[in-house]
Structures are given as structure tokens and as C-alpha cells.
């Protein structure tokens, strides 16, 4: 199988160990195990339970306890609709490999996480793009979507909340998208890894799995829950999809690690506490970032409504890749160039890191911009 180079991941692989202030990071500031236990009210007794875990493969689909905790994040799902995977990235790969065949008609929004068009393309699918536009606040144009969806459309791929823009498709628009998909009997795959980070209310975005009978949600522990090191995600879908995904999963996963399963369960059984911390970081940091962008004449944006990233337009006589490299080399601050995601003229800023890292990093960027 030939597949395109993953632009963002190549950028991160090359530079994230060489920066001082990582403002390309997309996770809410990661937790230590000690912090996880403090937030969830656990103690040494709970930690000592790990010592008695026998290092077998464990429950192949994920433990019942974990899948029950995941199902509780949704309105209409049960543990039978949940399959645990190796990160959200594993969940996305499995769904695409399961549903998409050579020659299938696929529609993907862009910009988005590159998996959602490069994997179908590598399978031989006929991939069509629904371009999100700044003038539409980075939300899908539903009239354009109606034109793209034809009777043969197999799959519509979304990210919601969106990476990289931070735009949020609300429940009303999700219902409209579901109606469009239903006209062609199409599946909708919605990568919801940033679910839980909305800037208002509970922070919990409506899920496509609860809205549409052929809706598939993928998510994981990395972004809103600050536990990327667990490498644990899931697929939430109708039982028939779960069964089909299991066939592919047997070839590349078998099971996730038992310690990962245990720690993810502890986290999700105290999900309100984890999200409270995430909201304090993301909402406070976005407010600070907003003030900073407003004060920079060479930058503009559509302010995010969710997620941990913002797509910022740069009015500079330099390509985004070159700007980001020179910025890092001169200031130690790392952004992600728009060129890595097909959005030349923009940079992606991750704003969910430690607040002091964000403030110090942005201060250095301001000084750098004065000399361009």
C-alpha cells in the first residue's frame, strides 16, 4: 500500500524535541500518573492494584468496565457499541480500512486530520473535498455538501471539534449533515477526539453516534483527558460495524495494554473532574491567546469555539514552513506551518499547554514579529 507522507506528523517528528516552548502541542497539558490519582481521588491502594495485574492480553475488546465508562460519555450508547483501540489514530485507521473499498466515493472536509483523506486515497477510493472557508467561520457549506454527496457516496469524514481550526459543528448542523448523508445511505465517520473541550457549558459536543443511525464516532484519551501516553482510543458505532472492525483489528491490535486499560478506566470514571481541569486550561488560555492575536497587526483569525488549536493567518512575506523554522531557531517557540496541512499562509497554534509556557512563548513571538 502506498500512502502520502503525513505532513503534520513529519513536522512534529522533526522539531518537537528541538523546541523550548511547544505551541504546536495539541493535547491539554499532559498529566502525570500522580496528578491523575490526585484529581480522581485515588490513593496508593488503587495504584497498588496494578501490581496484581497479570500481564496477559486482557479482554480483547477492552474491559467491560472501561467500555461502560466510555459508553457513559454518550447519550444512546452501551458498552456493546464500543471497541477499544490503540489511540484515536488506530480507531480512524480501522474504520477506514473496514468501510472503504477501491473505487468507493468518499467526501472529506479539509482542513482536517490527514488520515481522513490519505487513507481512503491509499485504498483507491475516489476522494472529494469539502473545503472549509474562513468566511464561513470554518464550518461546512451544506449546499456544497449536498452537491458532493451522490447516491454512490460511501462515507463522509468529519472532525468535530475541528483540527486545526477549532470550529465546532453544533447539534443542529450535525442533524442537517445526517439528513444529507441519509439521502445516499452514507456512513458518517466523525473524529471526535477533541470532544469535551467546547468553550461553553459542559464542554461536551453532540456526538454523531447519538444523532445518526449510520454515525460512527472515534475518540481517545489524548486531547481533552491529557493522557496521550496511554495510547488508548475507541470506536463507537452500530454493532454491525463493531463486528466488522474487529476482523481488521485482530490483524494489528489484538488488545490494548492492561495497564493502559486500567488507568483510562480510572480517568473516565471521574470524567467531570478531568474536564473541569481541561476547561480551566483551555478557556483561560484561549482568552489570553485572543488578546494576544488582537494586539498583533500581522496576524488574524477566526476565534475557536472548541478544541485546543487555532488556525491563524500570517500576513508576512515568507512561506509558513520557513517562518516556523526560523521562529523556532530564533526563539525556541514551535508552531505548526499551514503548509503541513494544505493551508499555506496560516499557522496552527496549540494553546492548551501550561499557561506560563503559552504566555512566555507568545511574548517571544511578539518580539520576533517586530523585526519582520
Foldseek 3Di string as FASTA:
>chain_A
DDFDDQLQVVVCVVPVVPFDFEQADFAQAADDLVRLCVLLVHDVVLVCVVVPDDFDQPDQQFDQLLLQLVQVLADDFHSLQKGKAQALVRVLLLLCVLQAAAAAEEEEEPPARVSRPRSNVVRNYDYDYQYQDVVVVRDGDVVVVLVSDDLRHAEYEEEACGPPAQAHDAPVNLLVVLVSCVVNVYAYEYEDQQALFFLDDRSGGHANQRRHLRYKYKYFCPHLNNPVVLSMIMIGHPNVSVVSSVVVCVVPPSHGTPVSSSSSSSCSVSVSSSSVVQNVQQNVQLVVVVVLQVPDPQKDFSRHRGGFKRKIFGNDPDKQVVVQVVLCVVQSYHWAGCVSSVGIRIIMTGRSHDSVSSVVNSVSVVVVVVVD
